[in-house]
Amino acid sequence: PASAVEFLDAFNGAFDPSTWRDRELPKVHVYTFKKGTETEADIVGKVEQYLGGKLETPAEVYTVRDVAPNKLMLCVSFQVPKDVAFHGRGDEQPCEKRQKIV
């Protein structure tokens, strides 16, 4: 879980706009650790940094368990933001089929 947030960049541009534009994007649950004086805002900031964009709705952050003195395991849940999901994909439209010539 310590490095799980580092893989969030995989969602950047991973969704096809023609398929997902009118659908609800997936909700992600990622586990990480909060050390010492870090705040939940710091953790959400780290998620946004690795994700490559700001969250559109507030993330849900909850404690999974206390793993050591001054170290908590957290779960951060959020919906993939459209700006991240479709990044670099433009307004791709499915190619129109050409008429078959006989």
N, C-alpha and C. Protein backbone atom coordinates (compact mmCIF):
# COMPACT_ATOMS: atom_id res chain seq x y z
N PRO A 1 0.79 -1.22 0.00
CA PRO A 1 0.00 0.00 0.00
C PRO A 1 0.83 1.28 0.00
N ALA A 2 2.04 1.22 0.50
CA ALA A 2 2.84 2.45 0.60
C ALA A 2 3.04 3.12 -0.75
N SER A 3 3.22 2.36 -1.79
CA SER A 3 3.48 2.94 -3.11
C SER A 3 2.26 2.91 -4.03
N ALA A 4 1.11 2.50 -3.54
CA ALA A 4 -0.08 2.36 -4.39
C ALA A 4 -0.45 3.66 -5.09
N VAL A 5 -0.31 4.80 -4.41
CA VAL A 5 -0.68 6.09 -5.04
C VAL A 5 0.20 6.39 -6.25
N GLU A 6 1.38 5.82 -6.29
CA GLU A 6 2.30 6.08 -7.41
C GLU A 6 1.80 5.47 -8.72
N PHE A 7 0.83 4.58 -8.65
CA PHE A 7 0.29 3.95 -9.85
C PHE A 7 -0.97 4.64 -10.37
N LEU A 8 -1.42 5.70 -9.69
CA LEU A 8 -2.64 6.39 -10.10
C LEU A 8 -2.51 7.06 -11.46
N ASP A 9 -1.29 7.31 -11.91
CA ASP A 9 -1.11 7.93 -13.23
C ASP A 9 -1.61 7.02 -14.35
N ALA A 10 -1.86 5.76 -14.05
CA ALA A 10 -2.39 4.84 -15.07
C ALA A 10 -3.79 5.23 -15.52
N PHE A 11 -4.50 6.03 -14.71
CA PHE A 11 -5.84 6.47 -15.08
C PHE A 11 -5.81 7.67 -16.03
N ASN A 12 -4.65 8.31 -16.17
CA ASN A 12 -4.53 9.51 -17.00
C ASN A 12 -4.69 9.15 -18.48
N GLY A 13 -5.80 9.58 -19.07
CA GLY A 13 -6.07 9.31 -20.48
C GLY A 13 -6.47 7.88 -20.77
N ALA A 14 -6.86 7.13 -19.74
CA ALA A 14 -7.14 5.70 -19.92
C ALA A 14 -8.56 5.39 -20.41
N PHE A 15 -9.40 6.40 -20.52
CA PHE A 15 -10.80 6.15 -20.87
C PHE A 15 -11.14 6.74 -22.23
N ASP A 16 -11.84 5.96 -23.03
CA ASP A 16 -12.26 6.38 -24.36
C ASP A 16 -13.50 7.27 -24.23
N PRO A 17 -13.40 8.54 -24.64
CA PRO A 17 -14.53 9.45 -24.50
C PRO A 17 -15.80 8.97 -25.19
N SER A 18 -15.68 8.31 -26.33
CA SER A 18 -16.89 7.88 -27.04
C SER A 18 -17.63 6.80 -26.26
N THR A 19 -16.94 6.08 -25.40
CA THR A 19 -17.57 5.04 -24.59
C THR A 19 -18.02 5.58 -23.23
N TRP A 20 -17.22 6.46 -22.62
CA TRP A 20 -17.44 6.87 -21.24
C TRP A 20 -18.06 8.25 -21.07
N ARG A 21 -18.20 9.03 -22.13
CA ARG A 21 -18.67 10.42 -21.97
C ARG A 21 -19.97 10.52 -21.18
N ASP A 22 -20.94 9.66 -21.45
CA ASP A 22 -22.25 9.75 -20.79
C ASP A 22 -22.42 8.74 -19.66
N ARG A 23 -21.32 8.15 -19.23
CA ARG A 23 -21.38 7.16 -18.16
C ARG A 23 -20.64 7.68 -16.93
N GLU A 24 -21.00 7.13 -15.79
CA GLU A 24 -20.31 7.49 -14.56
C GLU A 24 -18.95 6.80 -14.56
N LEU A 25 -17.91 7.58 -14.31
CA LEU A 25 -16.56 7.02 -14.27
C LEU A 25 -16.37 6.21 -12.98
N PRO A 26 -15.45 5.26 -12.99
CA PRO A 26 -15.26 4.38 -11.84
C PRO A 26 -14.83 5.11 -10.57
N LYS A 27 -15.18 4.50 -9.46
CA LYS A 27 -14.72 4.97 -8.16
C LYS A 27 -13.50 4.15 -7.78
N VAL A 28 -12.45 4.82 -7.36
CA VAL A 28 -11.18 4.18 -7.02
C VAL A 28 -11.00 4.18 -5.50
N HIS A 29 -10.48 3.09 -4.99
CA HIS A 29 -10.15 2.97 -3.56
C HIS A 29 -8.66 2.65 -3.50
N VAL A 30 -7.87 3.57 -2.97
CA VAL A 30 -6.43 3.37 -2.92
C VAL A 30 -5.97 3.45 -1.45
N TYR A 31 -5.11 2.54 -1.09
CA TYR A 31 -4.59 2.48 0.28
C TYR A 31 -3.22 3.14 0.33
N THR A 32 -2.98 3.85 1.43
CA THR A 32 -1.71 4.53 1.62
C THR A 32 -1.47 4.70 3.12
N PHE A 33 -0.35 5.28 3.46
CA PHE A 33 -0.02 5.51 4.86
C PHE A 33 0.08 6.99 5.15
N LYS A 34 -0.33 7.36 6.36
CA LYS A 34 -0.22 8.73 6.86
C LYS A 34 0.78 8.70 8.00
N LYS A 35 1.81 9.50 7.86
CA LYS A 35 2.87 9.51 8.86
C LYS A 35 2.86 10.81 9.66
N GLY A 36 3.20 10.70 10.93
CA GLY A 36 3.42 11.85 11.80
C GLY A 36 2.43 12.99 11.65
N THR A 37 2.93 14.11 11.14
CA THR A 37 2.14 15.34 11.10
C THR A 37 1.37 15.54 9.79
N GLU A 38 1.41 14.57 8.90
CA GLU A 38 0.65 14.69 7.65
C GLU A 38 -0.84 14.81 7.96
N THR A 39 -1.53 15.60 7.17
CA THR A 39 -2.97 15.75 7.33
C THR A 39 -3.68 15.00 6.20
N GLU A 40 -5.00 14.87 6.34
CA GLU A 40 -5.77 14.24 5.27
C GLU A 40 -5.66 15.07 3.99
N ALA A 41 -5.59 16.39 4.13
CA ALA A 41 -5.43 17.26 2.95
C ALA A 41 -4.10 16.97 2.26
N ASP A 42 -3.06 16.70 3.03
CA ASP A 42 -1.76 16.34 2.44
C ASP A 42 -1.87 15.04 1.64
N ILE A 43 -2.60 14.08 2.19
CA ILE A 43 -2.77 12.79 1.53
C ILE A 43 -3.56 12.96 0.23
N VAL A 44 -4.64 13.73 0.27
CA VAL A 44 -5.44 13.98 -0.93
C VAL A 44 -4.60 14.73 -1.96
N GLY A 45 -3.77 15.66 -1.51
CA GLY A 45 -2.86 16.37 -2.42
C GLY A 45 -1.89 15.42 -3.10
N LYS A 46 -1.40 14.43 -2.36
CA LYS A 46 -0.50 13.43 -2.94
C LYS A 46 -1.24 12.59 -3.99
N VAL A 47 -2.49 12.24 -3.69
CA VAL A 47 -3.31 11.49 -4.65
C VAL A 47 -3.48 12.30 -5.93
N GLU A 48 -3.82 13.59 -5.80
CA GLU A 48 -4.01 14.44 -6.97
C GLU A 48 -2.71 14.61 -7.76
N GLN A 49 -1.60 14.70 -7.05
CA GLN A 49 -0.30 14.84 -7.72
C GLN A 49 -0.02 13.63 -8.60
N TYR A 50 -0.17 12.44 -8.06
CA TYR A 50 0.12 11.23 -8.83
C TYR A 50 -0.95 10.96 -9.89
N LEU A 51 -2.19 11.37 -9.60
CA LEU A 51 -3.28 11.19 -10.56
C LEU A 51 -3.09 12.10 -11.77
N GLY A 52 -2.51 13.27 -11.54
CA GLY A 52 -2.26 14.21 -12.63
C GLY A 52 -3.38 15.22 -12.82
N GLY A 53 -4.17 15.44 -11.79
CA GLY A 53 -5.25 16.43 -11.87
C GLY A 53 -6.02 16.51 -10.57
N LYS A 54 -6.82 17.56 -10.47
CA LYS A 54 -7.63 17.79 -9.26
C LYS A 54 -8.86 16.89 -9.27
N LEU A 55 -9.27 16.48 -8.08
CA LEU A 55 -10.49 15.70 -7.94
C LEU A 55 -11.68 16.62 -8.12
N GLU A 56 -12.72 16.14 -8.80
CA GLU A 56 -13.92 16.96 -9.04
C GLU A 56 -14.85 16.95 -7.83
N THR A 57 -14.84 15.87 -7.09
CA THR A 57 -15.66 15.76 -5.88
C THR A 57 -14.73 15.44 -4.72
N PRO A 58 -15.12 15.81 -3.51
CA PRO A 58 -14.24 15.53 -2.37
C PRO A 58 -13.97 14.04 -2.20
N ALA A 59 -12.74 13.73 -1.87
CA ALA A 59 -12.36 12.34 -1.61
C ALA A 59 -12.85 11.93 -0.23
N GLU A 60 -13.16 10.66 -0.09
CA GLU A 60 -13.48 10.10 1.22
C GLU A 60 -12.20 9.47 1.75
N VAL A 61 -11.81 9.87 2.96
CA VAL A 61 -10.59 9.33 3.56
C VAL A 61 -10.97 8.71 4.90
N TYR A 62 -10.62 7.45 5.07
CA TYR A 62 -10.90 6.84 6.36
C TYR A 62 -9.73 5.97 6.80
N THR A 63 -9.63 5.82 8.11
CA THR A 63 -8.56 5.03 8.71
C THR A 63 -8.90 3.55 8.61
N VAL A 64 -7.95 2.77 8.10
CA VAL A 64 -8.11 1.32 8.03
C VAL A 64 -7.62 0.71 9.33
N ARG A 65 -6.39 1.10 9.72
CA ARG A 65 -5.87 0.62 10.99
C ARG A 65 -4.61 1.39 11.38
N ASP A 66 -4.29 1.31 12.65
CA ASP A 66 -3.08 1.92 13.20
C ASP A 66 -1.99 0.86 13.08
N VAL A 67 -0.96 1.15 12.27
CA VAL A 67 0.06 0.12 12.01
C VAL A 67 1.32 0.29 12.86
N ALA A 68 1.54 1.49 13.36
CA ALA A 68 2.73 1.75 14.19
C ALA A 68 2.52 3.11 14.86
N PRO A 69 3.34 3.41 15.87
CA PRO A 69 3.23 4.75 16.46
C PRO A 69 3.42 5.82 15.37
N ASN A 70 2.49 6.75 15.32
CA ASN A 70 2.52 7.85 14.34
C ASN A 70 2.42 7.38 12.90
N LYS A 71 1.79 6.24 12.65
CA LYS A 71 1.61 5.76 11.28
C LYS A 71 0.26 5.05 11.16
N LEU A 72 -0.59 5.61 10.31
CA LEU A 72 -1.91 5.04 10.07
C LEU A 72 -2.03 4.55 8.64
N MET A 73 -2.73 3.45 8.44
CA MET A 73 -3.08 3.02 7.08
C MET A 73 -4.43 3.65 6.77
N LEU A 74 -4.50 4.32 5.62
CA LEU A 74 -5.72 5.00 5.20
C LEU A 74 -6.21 4.42 3.88
N CYS A 75 -7.50 4.60 3.64
CA CYS A 75 -8.08 4.31 2.33
C CYS A 75 -8.64 5.63 1.81
N VAL A 76 -8.27 6.00 0.60
CA VAL A 76 -8.77 7.21 -0.04
C VAL A 76 -9.65 6.75 -1.20
N SER A 77 -10.91 7.16 -1.18
CA SER A 77 -11.86 6.78 -2.22
C SER A 77 -12.29 8.02 -2.99
N PHE A 78 -12.29 7.91 -4.32
CA PHE A 78 -12.66 9.05 -5.16
C PHE A 78 -13.10 8.55 -6.52
N GLN A 79 -13.85 9.39 -7.21
CA GLN A 79 -14.25 9.08 -8.58
C GLN A 79 -13.20 9.67 -9.52
N VAL A 80 -12.83 8.92 -10.54
CA VAL A 80 -11.84 9.39 -11.51
C VAL A 80 -12.39 10.66 -12.16
N PRO A 81 -11.66 11.78 -12.09
CA PRO A 81 -12.12 13.03 -12.70
C PRO A 81 -12.11 12.94 -14.23
N LYS A 82 -13.07 13.58 -14.87
CA LYS A 82 -13.16 13.54 -16.34
C LYS A 82 -11.90 14.11 -16.98
N ASP A 83 -11.36 15.21 -16.43
CA ASP A 83 -10.15 15.81 -17.00
C ASP A 83 -8.99 14.82 -17.03
N VAL A 84 -8.92 13.99 -16.02
CA VAL A 84 -7.86 12.98 -15.95
C VAL A 84 -8.19 11.80 -16.86
N ALA A 85 -9.42 11.33 -16.78
CA ALA A 85 -9.83 10.14 -17.54
C ALA A 85 -9.66 10.33 -19.04
N PHE A 86 -9.99 11.53 -19.53
CA PHE A 86 -9.97 11.79 -20.97
C PHE A 86 -8.75 12.61 -21.40
N HIS A 87 -7.79 12.81 -20.52
CA HIS A 87 -6.62 13.64 -20.83
C HIS A 87 -5.92 13.17 -22.09
N GLY A 88 -5.70 14.10 -23.01
CA GLY A 88 -4.98 13.78 -24.24
C GLY A 88 -5.80 13.02 -25.26
N ARG A 89 -7.05 12.75 -24.95
CA ARG A 89 -7.89 11.98 -25.87
C ARG A 89 -8.71 12.89 -26.77
N GLY A 90 -8.73 14.19 -26.47
CA GLY A 90 -9.50 15.13 -27.28
C GLY A 90 -10.97 14.77 -27.27
N ASP A 91 -11.66 15.18 -28.28
CA ASP A 91 -13.07 14.83 -28.42
C ASP A 91 -13.20 13.75 -29.47
N GLU A 92 -12.47 12.69 -29.27
CA GLU A 92 -12.48 11.61 -30.24
C GLU A 92 -13.90 11.10 -30.45
N GLN A 93 -14.26 10.97 -31.66
CA GLN A 93 -15.55 10.40 -32.03
C GLN A 93 -15.26 9.11 -32.78
N PRO A 94 -16.13 8.15 -32.66
CA PRO A 94 -15.89 6.92 -33.41
C PRO A 94 -15.87 7.23 -34.91
N CYS A 95 -15.01 6.56 -35.63
CA CYS A 95 -14.92 6.77 -37.08
C CYS A 95 -16.23 6.33 -37.72
N GLU A 96 -16.70 7.16 -38.63
CA GLU A 96 -17.91 6.78 -39.35
C GLU A 96 -17.52 5.72 -40.38
N LYS A 97 -18.39 4.76 -40.51
CA LYS A 97 -18.12 3.70 -41.48
C LYS A 97 -18.32 4.24 -42.88
N ARG A 98 -17.44 3.85 -43.74
CA ARG A 98 -17.58 4.25 -45.14
C ARG A 98 -18.60 3.34 -45.82
N GLN A 99 -19.29 3.92 -46.76
CA GLN A 99 -20.28 3.15 -47.49
C GLN A 99 -19.56 2.12 -48.36
N LYS A 100 -20.09 0.94 -48.34
CA LYS A 100 -19.51 -0.14 -49.12
C LYS A 100 -19.91 0.05 -50.59
N ILE A 101 -18.91 0.05 -51.46
CA ILE A 101 -19.17 0.22 -52.89
C ILE A 101 -19.13 -1.16 -53.53
N VAL A 102 -20.18 -1.46 -54.25
CA VAL A 102 -20.29 -2.78 -54.87
C VAL A 102 -19.85 -2.73 -56.30
